C-alpha cells in the first residue's frame, strides 16, 4: 500500500510540474509583447521627465554603440520582450504551494536579477563600472522589496476579507 501511495504522490507531482511548465510557457509568450509595451511606456515617462520636450527612445550610449537609433530601438525592444518572458514565465514560482514564501521570493528574485542585469548592461541602463553594477542591483532590490511588500499587504487584506466572509457564513 505504501508503494502505491508513493507512486500516486510522484504522479501528482509530475502532473503539477507539467501544468506549471505549460503555464510558464504560456505566460512567457504573453510576457514578450507585454515586456515591449512596458518598455515603451517607460521610455515615454523618462522622456516626459528628462527629455526637455523630446522623445528619447533609448540612452544615447546605446545609439552610439549600435550605430543608429533604429538599431538601438530594435535591440532594446527585443530585450524588453525577453524581460517580459522572464518575468511572465517566472511568475509560476508564486504558485508552488509546497514552497515557503521565503523560497518563492528568493527564487523569483534570483530569476529576475539574472534576467534584468544582463539586459540593463547591454542597453546601458546601468553604468559599466563596479559602482554602477552595485548601485543598479541595490536599486533593483529596493524596488523589488517595495513591490513585494505592497503585494503582500494586498493579499493579506484579501485573505482577511475572505476569512471574515467565511466566519459570517458559519
N, C-alpha and C. Protein backbone atom coordinates (compact mmCIF):
# COMPACT_ATOMS: atom_id res chain seq x y z
N UNK A 1 0.82 -1.19 0.00
CA UNK A 1 0.00 0.00 0.00
C UNK A 1 0.87 1.26 0.00
N UNK A 2 1.97 1.24 0.75
CA UNK A 2 2.85 2.40 0.82
C UNK A 2 3.47 2.70 -0.55
N UNK A 3 3.85 1.65 -1.28
CA UNK A 3 4.43 1.82 -2.63
C UNK A 3 3.42 2.51 -3.54
N UNK A 4 2.16 2.10 -3.47
CA UNK A 4 1.11 2.69 -4.30
C UNK A 4 0.94 4.17 -3.97
N UNK A 5 0.94 4.52 -2.69
CA UNK A 5 0.80 5.92 -2.27
C UNK A 5 1.98 6.76 -2.77
N UNK A 6 3.19 6.19 -2.68
CA UNK A 6 4.37 6.90 -3.17
C UNK A 6 4.28 7.12 -4.68
N UNK A 7 3.80 6.10 -5.39
CA UNK A 7 3.65 6.19 -6.85
C UNK A 7 2.62 7.27 -7.20
N UNK A 8 1.48 7.25 -6.52
CA UNK A 8 0.43 8.24 -6.78
C UNK A 8 0.91 9.65 -6.44
N UNK A 9 1.67 9.75 -5.37
CA UNK A 9 2.22 11.04 -4.97
C UNK A 9 3.19 11.56 -6.03
N UNK A 10 4.04 10.68 -6.52
CA UNK A 10 5.00 11.07 -7.57
C UNK A 10 4.27 11.47 -8.84
N UNK A 11 3.20 10.76 -9.18
CA UNK A 11 2.40 11.09 -10.37
C UNK A 11 1.77 12.48 -10.21
N UNK A 12 1.27 12.77 -9.02
CA UNK A 12 0.66 14.08 -8.76
C UNK A 12 1.68 15.19 -8.92
N UNK A 13 2.88 14.98 -8.40
CA UNK A 13 3.94 15.97 -8.52
C UNK A 13 4.30 16.19 -10.00
N UNK A 14 4.44 15.08 -10.75
CA UNK A 14 4.74 15.20 -12.19
C UNK A 14 3.64 15.96 -12.92
N UNK A 15 2.40 15.66 -12.57
CA UNK A 15 1.28 16.36 -13.19
C UNK A 15 1.31 17.85 -12.88
N UNK A 16 1.64 18.19 -11.65
CA UNK A 16 1.75 19.60 -11.27
C UNK A 16 2.91 20.27 -12.01
N UNK A 17 4.02 19.57 -12.15
CA UNK A 17 5.17 20.13 -12.86
C UNK A 17 4.84 20.38 -14.33
N UNK A 18 4.11 19.44 -14.95
CA UNK A 18 3.71 19.63 -16.35
C UNK A 18 2.78 20.82 -16.49
N UNK A 19 1.83 20.95 -15.56
CA UNK A 19 0.90 22.08 -15.59
C UNK A 19 1.68 23.39 -15.40
N UNK A 20 2.61 23.41 -14.47
CA UNK A 20 3.41 24.61 -14.22
C UNK A 20 4.27 24.93 -15.44
N UNK A 21 4.81 23.91 -16.09
CA UNK A 21 5.61 24.13 -17.29
C UNK A 21 4.78 24.76 -18.40
N UNK A 22 3.56 24.25 -18.58
CA UNK A 22 2.67 24.80 -19.60
C UNK A 22 2.30 26.25 -19.26
N UNK A 23 2.02 26.50 -17.99
CA UNK A 23 1.71 27.86 -17.56
C UNK A 23 2.90 28.79 -17.80
N UNK A 24 4.10 28.32 -17.49
CA UNK A 24 5.30 29.13 -17.68
C UNK A 24 5.49 29.49 -19.15
N UNK A 25 5.28 28.52 -20.04
CA UNK A 25 5.43 28.78 -21.48
C UNK A 25 4.38 29.79 -21.94
N UNK A 26 3.13 29.59 -21.54
CA UNK A 26 2.06 30.50 -21.94
C UNK A 26 2.31 31.91 -21.41
N UNK A 27 2.65 32.01 -20.15
CA UNK A 27 2.91 33.34 -19.56
C UNK A 27 4.14 33.98 -20.19
N UNK A 28 5.13 33.17 -20.52
CA UNK A 28 6.31 33.70 -21.20
C UNK A 28 5.95 34.27 -22.56
N UNK A 29 5.10 33.54 -23.30
CA UNK A 29 4.67 34.02 -24.62
C UNK A 29 3.87 35.31 -24.50
N UNK A 30 3.01 35.38 -23.51
CA UNK A 30 2.24 36.61 -23.27
C UNK A 30 3.14 37.72 -22.75
N UNK A 31 4.20 37.34 -22.06
CA UNK A 31 5.12 38.31 -21.47
C UNK A 31 5.94 39.07 -22.50
N UNK A 32 6.19 38.45 -23.67
CA UNK A 32 7.03 39.13 -24.67
C UNK A 32 6.41 40.44 -25.14
N UNK A 33 5.17 40.44 -25.65
CA UNK A 33 4.60 41.73 -26.07
C UNK A 33 4.34 42.66 -24.89
N UNK A 34 4.02 42.09 -23.74
CA UNK A 34 3.81 42.93 -22.56
C UNK A 34 5.11 43.61 -22.14
N UNK A 35 6.22 42.90 -22.21
CA UNK A 35 7.52 43.49 -21.90
C UNK A 35 7.86 44.63 -22.84
N UNK A 36 7.57 44.45 -24.11
CA UNK A 36 7.81 45.52 -25.09
C UNK A 36 6.94 46.73 -24.77
N UNK A 37 5.67 46.48 -24.46
CA UNK A 37 4.75 47.58 -24.14
C UNK A 37 5.20 48.35 -22.89
N UNK A 38 5.58 47.61 -21.86
CA UNK A 38 6.04 48.26 -20.63
C UNK A 38 7.32 49.05 -20.90
N UNK A 39 8.23 48.47 -21.66
CA UNK A 39 9.46 49.18 -22.01
C UNK A 39 9.17 50.48 -22.75
N UNK A 40 8.21 50.44 -23.65
CA UNK A 40 7.83 51.63 -24.42
C UNK A 40 7.22 52.70 -23.51
N UNK A 41 6.34 52.29 -22.61
CA UNK A 41 5.72 53.23 -21.68
C UNK A 41 6.79 53.87 -20.79
N UNK A 42 7.75 53.08 -20.36
CA UNK A 42 8.83 53.62 -19.52
C UNK A 42 9.61 54.70 -20.29
N UNK A 43 9.89 54.46 -21.58
CA UNK A 43 10.62 55.48 -22.36
C UNK A 43 9.80 56.76 -22.48
N UNK A 44 8.49 56.64 -22.54
CA UNK A 44 7.65 57.84 -22.60
C UNK A 44 7.76 58.63 -21.30
N UNK A 45 7.65 57.93 -20.15
CA UNK A 45 7.77 58.62 -18.86
C UNK A 45 9.15 59.24 -18.68
N UNK A 46 10.18 58.52 -19.06
CA UNK A 46 11.54 59.07 -18.94
C UNK A 46 11.69 60.31 -19.82
N UNK A 47 11.14 60.26 -21.02
CA UNK A 47 11.20 61.41 -21.92
C UNK A 47 10.41 62.59 -21.37
N UNK A 48 9.27 62.33 -20.74
CA UNK A 48 8.48 63.41 -20.14
C UNK A 48 9.25 64.10 -19.02
N UNK A 49 9.99 63.31 -18.26
CA UNK A 49 10.70 63.85 -17.11
C UNK A 49 12.02 64.51 -17.52
N UNK A 50 12.82 63.85 -18.35
CA UNK A 50 14.16 64.33 -18.66
C UNK A 50 14.37 64.71 -20.12
N UNK A 51 13.38 64.53 -20.96
CA UNK A 51 13.57 64.72 -22.40
C UNK A 51 13.53 66.15 -22.88
N UNK A 52 13.21 67.11 -22.03
CA UNK A 52 13.17 68.53 -22.40
C UNK A 52 12.32 68.75 -23.66
N UNK A 53 11.16 68.09 -23.69
CA UNK A 53 10.25 68.26 -24.81
C UNK A 53 10.48 67.29 -25.97
N UNK A 54 11.48 66.43 -25.87
CA UNK A 54 11.78 65.48 -26.95
C UNK A 54 11.59 64.06 -26.44
N UNK A 55 11.27 63.19 -27.39
CA UNK A 55 11.16 61.76 -27.07
C UNK A 55 12.52 61.11 -27.21
N UNK A 56 12.92 60.42 -26.19
CA UNK A 56 14.20 59.72 -26.20
C UNK A 56 13.94 58.22 -26.07
N UNK A 57 14.00 57.48 -27.18
CA UNK A 57 13.63 56.07 -27.15
C UNK A 57 14.62 55.17 -26.41
N UNK A 58 15.85 55.61 -26.27
CA UNK A 58 16.84 54.82 -25.53
C UNK A 58 18.01 55.73 -25.18
N UNK A 59 18.91 55.21 -24.37
CA UNK A 59 20.03 56.04 -23.92
C UNK A 59 20.98 56.31 -25.09
N UNK A 60 21.57 57.50 -25.14
CA UNK A 60 22.46 57.85 -26.25
C UNK A 60 23.64 56.89 -26.44
N UNK A 61 24.15 56.31 -25.34
CA UNK A 61 25.27 55.38 -25.46
C UNK A 61 24.89 54.15 -26.29
N UNK A 62 23.66 53.68 -26.15
CA UNK A 62 23.20 52.53 -26.92
C UNK A 62 23.12 52.88 -28.40
N UNK A 63 22.63 54.06 -28.69
CA UNK A 63 22.56 54.51 -30.09
C UNK A 63 23.96 54.56 -30.69
N UNK A 64 24.91 55.11 -29.93
CA UNK A 64 26.30 55.18 -30.41
C UNK A 64 26.86 53.77 -30.66
N UNK A 65 26.63 52.86 -29.71
CA UNK A 65 27.15 51.50 -29.85
C UNK A 65 26.52 50.75 -31.01
N UNK A 66 25.24 50.98 -31.26
CA UNK A 66 24.52 50.26 -32.31
C UNK A 66 24.71 50.91 -33.69
N UNK A 67 25.17 52.15 -33.71
CA UNK A 67 25.42 52.82 -34.98
C UNK A 67 24.23 53.56 -35.56
N UNK A 68 23.04 53.34 -35.02
CA UNK A 68 21.87 54.10 -35.45
C UNK A 68 20.78 53.98 -34.40
N UNK A 69 19.88 54.94 -34.41
CA UNK A 69 18.80 54.95 -33.44
C UNK A 69 17.87 53.75 -33.66
N UNK A 70 17.55 53.43 -34.91
CA UNK A 70 16.62 52.33 -35.17
C UNK A 70 17.19 50.99 -34.70
N UNK A 71 18.47 50.77 -34.90
CA UNK A 71 19.08 49.52 -34.41
C UNK A 71 19.02 49.45 -32.89
N UNK A 72 19.27 50.58 -32.25
CA UNK A 72 19.23 50.63 -30.79
C UNK A 72 17.82 50.36 -30.28
N UNK A 73 16.83 50.96 -30.94
CA UNK A 73 15.45 50.78 -30.52
C UNK A 73 15.00 49.32 -30.73
N UNK A 74 15.39 48.72 -31.85
CA UNK A 74 15.03 47.33 -32.10
C UNK A 74 15.65 46.41 -31.04
N UNK A 75 16.92 46.63 -30.74
CA UNK A 75 17.58 45.81 -29.72
C UNK A 75 16.91 46.00 -28.37
N UNK A 76 16.64 47.23 -27.99
CA UNK A 76 16.01 47.49 -26.70
C UNK A 76 14.61 46.87 -26.64
N UNK A 77 13.85 46.95 -27.73
CA UNK A 77 12.51 46.35 -27.76
C UNK A 77 12.61 44.84 -27.60
N UNK A 78 13.54 44.22 -28.31
CA UNK A 78 13.70 42.76 -28.22
C UNK A 78 14.10 42.36 -26.80
N UNK A 79 15.02 43.09 -26.21
CA UNK A 79 15.46 42.77 -24.85
C UNK A 79 14.36 43.04 -23.83
N UNK A 80 13.54 44.06 -24.06
CA UNK A 80 12.39 44.31 -23.18
C UNK A 80 11.40 43.15 -23.28
N UNK A 81 11.22 42.63 -24.49
CA UNK A 81 10.36 41.46 -24.67
C UNK A 81 10.92 40.25 -23.93
N UNK A 82 12.21 40.06 -23.99
CA UNK A 82 12.84 38.94 -23.27
C UNK A 82 12.66 39.10 -21.76
N UNK A 83 12.75 40.34 -21.28
CA UNK A 83 12.46 40.56 -19.85
C UNK A 83 11.02 40.17 -19.53
N UNK A 84 10.10 40.53 -20.41
CA UNK A 84 8.71 40.15 -20.22
C UNK A 84 8.54 38.64 -20.15
N UNK A 85 9.28 37.93 -21.02
CA UNK A 85 9.24 36.46 -20.99
C UNK A 85 9.73 35.95 -19.64
N UNK A 86 10.85 36.47 -19.17
CA UNK A 86 11.42 36.00 -17.90
C UNK A 86 10.49 36.27 -16.72
N UNK A 87 9.95 37.48 -16.66
CA UNK A 87 9.05 37.82 -15.55
C UNK A 87 7.74 37.04 -15.66
N UNK A 88 7.21 36.91 -16.86
CA UNK A 88 5.97 36.16 -17.05
C UNK A 88 6.13 34.70 -16.72
N UNK A 89 7.13 34.06 -17.30
CA UNK A 89 7.35 32.63 -17.04
C UNK A 89 7.70 32.41 -15.57
N UNK A 90 8.48 33.31 -15.03
CA UNK A 90 8.89 33.17 -13.62
C UNK A 90 7.75 33.31 -12.64
N UNK A 91 6.65 33.92 -13.06
CA UNK A 91 5.53 34.14 -12.14
C UNK A 91 4.91 32.84 -11.63
N UNK A 92 5.14 31.73 -12.32
CA UNK A 92 4.60 30.45 -11.82
C UNK A 92 5.26 30.04 -10.50
N UNK A 93 6.38 30.64 -10.20
CA UNK A 93 7.06 30.35 -8.93
C UNK A 93 6.13 30.63 -7.75
N UNK A 94 5.29 31.66 -7.90
CA UNK A 94 4.39 32.04 -6.80
C UNK A 94 3.27 31.01 -6.59
N UNK A 95 3.13 30.07 -7.50
CA UNK A 95 2.09 29.05 -7.38
C UNK A 95 2.63 27.73 -6.84
N UNK A 96 3.89 27.68 -6.52
CA UNK A 96 4.50 26.47 -5.97
C UNK A 96 4.11 26.37 -4.49
N UNK A 97 2.95 25.79 -4.23
CA UNK A 97 2.36 25.79 -2.89
C UNK A 97 3.21 25.05 -1.85
N UNK A 98 4.01 24.09 -2.29
CA UNK A 98 4.82 23.33 -1.34
C UNK A 98 6.06 24.12 -0.91
N UNK A 99 6.32 25.23 -1.57
CA UNK A 99 7.47 26.08 -1.20
C UNK A 99 7.03 27.14 -0.21
N UNK A 100 7.95 27.52 0.66
CA UNK A 100 7.67 28.62 1.59
C UNK A 100 7.69 29.94 0.82
N UNK A 101 7.10 30.95 1.41
CA UNK A 101 7.10 32.28 0.79
C UNK A 101 8.54 32.81 0.66
N UNK A 102 9.38 32.45 1.61
CA UNK A 102 10.79 32.87 1.55
C UNK A 102 11.49 32.23 0.35
N UNK A 103 11.25 30.94 0.12
CA UNK A 103 11.86 30.25 -1.01
C UNK A 103 11.32 30.80 -2.33
N UNK A 104 10.01 31.02 -2.41
CA UNK A 104 9.42 31.59 -3.62
C UNK A 104 10.03 32.96 -3.91
N UNK A 105 10.12 33.79 -2.89
CA UNK A 105 10.66 35.14 -3.05
C UNK A 105 12.12 35.10 -3.49
N UNK A 106 12.91 34.26 -2.84
CA UNK A 106 14.33 34.16 -3.18
C UNK A 106 14.55 33.69 -4.60
N UNK A 107 13.81 32.67 -5.01
CA UNK A 107 13.99 32.14 -6.37
C UNK A 107 13.48 33.13 -7.40
N UNK A 108 12.34 33.77 -7.13
CA UNK A 108 11.82 34.76 -8.07
C UNK A 108 12.78 35.94 -8.20
N UNK A 109 13.34 36.37 -7.07
CA UNK A 109 14.32 37.47 -7.11
C UNK A 109 15.53 37.07 -7.94
N UNK A 110 16.02 35.85 -7.74
CA UNK A 110 17.17 35.36 -8.50
C UNK A 110 16.87 35.33 -10.00
N UNK A 111 15.71 34.79 -10.37
CA UNK A 111 15.30 34.76 -11.78
C UNK A 111 15.24 36.18 -12.34
N UNK A 112 14.65 37.08 -11.57
CA UNK A 112 14.51 38.48 -12.00
C UNK A 112 15.86 39.16 -12.21
N UNK A 113 16.73 38.99 -11.24
CA UNK A 113 18.06 39.61 -11.33
C UNK A 113 18.86 39.03 -12.50
N UNK A 114 18.79 37.71 -12.66
CA UNK A 114 19.54 37.07 -13.76
C UNK A 114 19.03 37.50 -15.13
N UNK A 115 17.77 37.90 -15.22
CA UNK A 115 17.24 38.42 -16.47
C UNK A 115 17.54 39.91 -16.62
N UNK A 116 17.37 40.65 -15.56
CA UNK A 116 17.43 42.11 -15.61
C UNK A 116 18.85 42.65 -15.78
N UNK A 117 19.79 42.12 -15.05
CA UNK A 117 21.15 42.69 -15.05
C UNK A 117 21.81 42.62 -16.44
N UNK A 118 21.80 41.48 -17.12
CA UNK A 118 22.42 41.47 -18.45
C UNK A 118 21.74 42.43 -19.44
N UNK A 119 20.40 42.50 -19.36
CA UNK A 119 19.68 43.42 -20.24
C UNK A 119 20.05 44.86 -19.91
N UNK A 120 20.08 45.18 -18.64
CA UNK A 120 20.44 46.54 -18.21
C UNK A 120 21.87 46.89 -18.65
N UNK A 121 22.75 45.92 -18.61
CA UNK A 121 24.14 46.16 -19.03
C UNK A 121 24.21 46.40 -20.54
N UNK A 122 23.56 45.52 -21.30
CA UNK A 122 23.61 45.63 -22.76
C UNK A 122 22.98 46.92 -23.25
N UNK A 123 21.87 47.32 -22.63
CA UNK A 123 21.15 48.52 -23.07
C UNK A 123 21.70 49.80 -22.45
N UNK A 124 22.71 49.68 -21.64
CA UNK A 124 23.33 50.83 -20.96
C UNK A 124 22.39 51.50 -19.98
N UNK A 125 21.49 50.74 -19.39
CA UNK A 125 20.63 51.28 -18.34
C UNK A 125 21.41 51.42 -17.04
N UNK A 126 22.59 50.84 -17.00
CA UNK A 126 23.47 50.96 -15.83
C UNK A 126 24.85 51.37 -16.32
N UNK A 127 25.58 52.02 -15.44
CA UNK A 127 26.97 52.35 -15.77
C UNK A 127 27.78 51.06 -15.85
N UNK A 128 28.74 51.04 -16.74
CA UNK A 128 29.58 49.86 -16.92
C UNK A 128 30.79 49.92 -16.00
N UNK A 129 30.52 50.10 -14.72
CA UNK A 129 31.56 50.10 -13.68
C UNK A 129 31.07 49.23 -12.54
N UNK A 130 31.97 48.88 -11.64
CA UNK A 130 31.57 48.10 -10.47
C UNK A 130 30.57 48.89 -9.63
N UNK A 131 30.82 50.17 -9.46
CA UNK A 131 29.89 51.01 -8.69
C UNK A 131 28.52 51.08 -9.39
N UNK A 132 28.51 51.17 -10.70
CA UNK A 132 27.26 51.19 -11.45
C UNK A 132 26.50 49.88 -11.30
N UNK A 133 27.24 48.78 -11.36
CA UNK A 133 26.64 47.46 -11.19
C UNK A 133 26.02 47.32 -9.81
N UNK A 134 26.78 47.68 -8.79
CA UNK A 134 26.30 47.56 -7.41
C UNK A 134 25.11 48.47 -7.17
N UNK A 135 25.18 49.71 -7.64
CA UNK A 135 24.05 50.62 -7.42
C UNK A 135 22.81 50.14 -8.15
N UNK A 136 22.98 49.56 -9.34
CA UNK A 136 21.83 49.05 -10.08
C UNK A 136 21.17 47.90 -9.31
N UNK A 137 21.99 46.99 -8.78
CA UNK A 137 21.46 45.86 -8.00
C UNK A 137 20.74 46.37 -6.76
N UNK A 138 21.32 47.36 -6.08
CA UNK A 138 20.69 47.90 -4.87
C UNK A 138 19.35 48.55 -5.21
N UNK A 139 19.32 49.34 -6.28
CA UNK A 139 18.06 49.98 -6.69
C UNK A 139 17.04 48.93 -7.09
N UNK A 140 17.47 47.94 -7.86
CA UNK A 140 16.57 46.87 -8.27
C UNK A 140 16.02 46.14 -7.05
N UNK A 141 16.88 45.82 -6.10
CA UNK A 141 16.44 45.11 -4.88
C UNK A 141 15.46 45.97 -4.09
N UNK A 142 15.72 47.27 -3.99
CA UNK A 142 14.82 48.15 -3.26
C UNK A 142 13.44 48.19 -3.92
N UNK A 143 13.41 48.31 -5.23
CA UNK A 143 12.14 48.31 -5.95
C UNK A 143 11.43 46.97 -5.77
N UNK A 144 12.19 45.89 -5.85
CA UNK A 144 11.64 44.54 -5.66
C UNK A 144 10.99 44.43 -4.28
N UNK A 145 11.68 44.89 -3.26
CA UNK A 145 11.16 44.81 -1.88
C UNK A 145 9.89 45.65 -1.74
N UNK A 146 9.89 46.84 -2.30
CA UNK A 146 8.70 47.70 -2.22
C UNK A 146 7.50 47.02 -2.88
N UNK A 147 7.71 46.50 -4.09
CA UNK A 147 6.62 45.81 -4.80
C UNK A 147 6.17 44.58 -4.02
N UNK A 148 7.13 43.83 -3.47
CA UNK A 148 6.80 42.62 -2.70
C UNK A 148 5.95 42.97 -1.48
N UNK A 149 6.35 43.99 -0.75
CA UNK A 149 5.61 44.39 0.46
C UNK A 149 4.20 44.84 0.10
N UNK A 150 4.07 45.65 -0.95
CA UNK A 150 2.74 46.11 -1.38
C UNK A 150 1.87 44.91 -1.76
N UNK A 151 2.42 43.99 -2.56
CA UNK A 151 1.66 42.80 -2.95
C UNK A 151 1.29 41.95 -1.73
N UNK A 152 2.22 41.80 -0.81
CA UNK A 152 1.96 41.03 0.40
C UNK A 152 0.80 41.64 1.19
N UNK A 153 0.82 42.95 1.36
CA UNK A 153 -0.23 43.62 2.12
C UNK A 153 -1.58 43.51 1.40
N UNK A 154 -1.57 43.59 0.09
CA UNK A 154 -2.82 43.43 -0.68
C UNK A 154 -3.38 42.03 -0.47
N UNK A 155 -2.54 41.01 -0.61
CA UNK A 155 -3.02 39.63 -0.45
C UNK A 155 -3.42 39.34 0.99
N UNK A 156 -2.70 39.92 1.94
CA UNK A 156 -3.06 39.73 3.34
C UNK A 156 -4.45 40.31 3.61
N UNK A 157 -4.73 41.46 3.03
CA UNK A 157 -6.04 42.08 3.18
C UNK A 157 -7.13 41.23 2.53
N UNK A 158 -6.84 40.68 1.35
CA UNK A 158 -7.82 39.83 0.66
C UNK A 158 -8.12 38.57 1.47
N UNK A 159 -7.09 37.97 2.04
CA UNK A 159 -7.28 36.77 2.86
C UNK A 159 -8.11 37.11 4.10
N UNK A 160 -7.83 38.25 4.70
CA UNK A 160 -8.59 38.68 5.87
C UNK A 160 -10.06 38.87 5.52
N UNK A 161 -10.34 39.47 4.36
CA UNK A 161 -11.72 39.65 3.90
C UNK A 161 -12.40 38.31 3.66
N UNK A 162 -11.69 37.37 3.01
CA UNK A 162 -12.27 36.05 2.75
C UNK A 162 -12.56 35.33 4.06
N UNK A 163 -11.64 35.42 5.02
CA UNK A 163 -11.84 34.78 6.31
C UNK A 163 -13.05 35.35 7.04
N UNK A 164 -13.22 36.66 6.96
CA UNK A 164 -14.38 37.28 7.64
C UNK A 164 -15.68 36.85 6.97
N UNK A 165 -15.69 36.68 5.64
CA UNK A 165 -16.88 36.19 4.95
C UNK A 165 -17.19 34.75 5.34
N UNK A 166 -16.16 33.93 5.48
CA UNK A 166 -16.34 32.54 5.89
C UNK A 166 -16.90 32.49 7.32
N UNK A 167 -16.38 33.32 8.20
CA UNK A 167 -16.83 33.33 9.59
C UNK A 167 -18.30 33.78 9.68
N UNK A 168 -18.71 34.71 8.83
CA UNK A 168 -20.10 35.18 8.84
C UNK A 168 -21.07 34.08 8.41
N UNK A 169 -20.61 33.22 7.49
CA UNK A 169 -21.46 32.14 6.99
C UNK A 169 -21.63 31.02 8.01
N UNK A 170 -20.70 30.91 8.93
CA UNK A 170 -20.76 29.80 9.91
C UNK A 170 -21.72 30.04 11.01
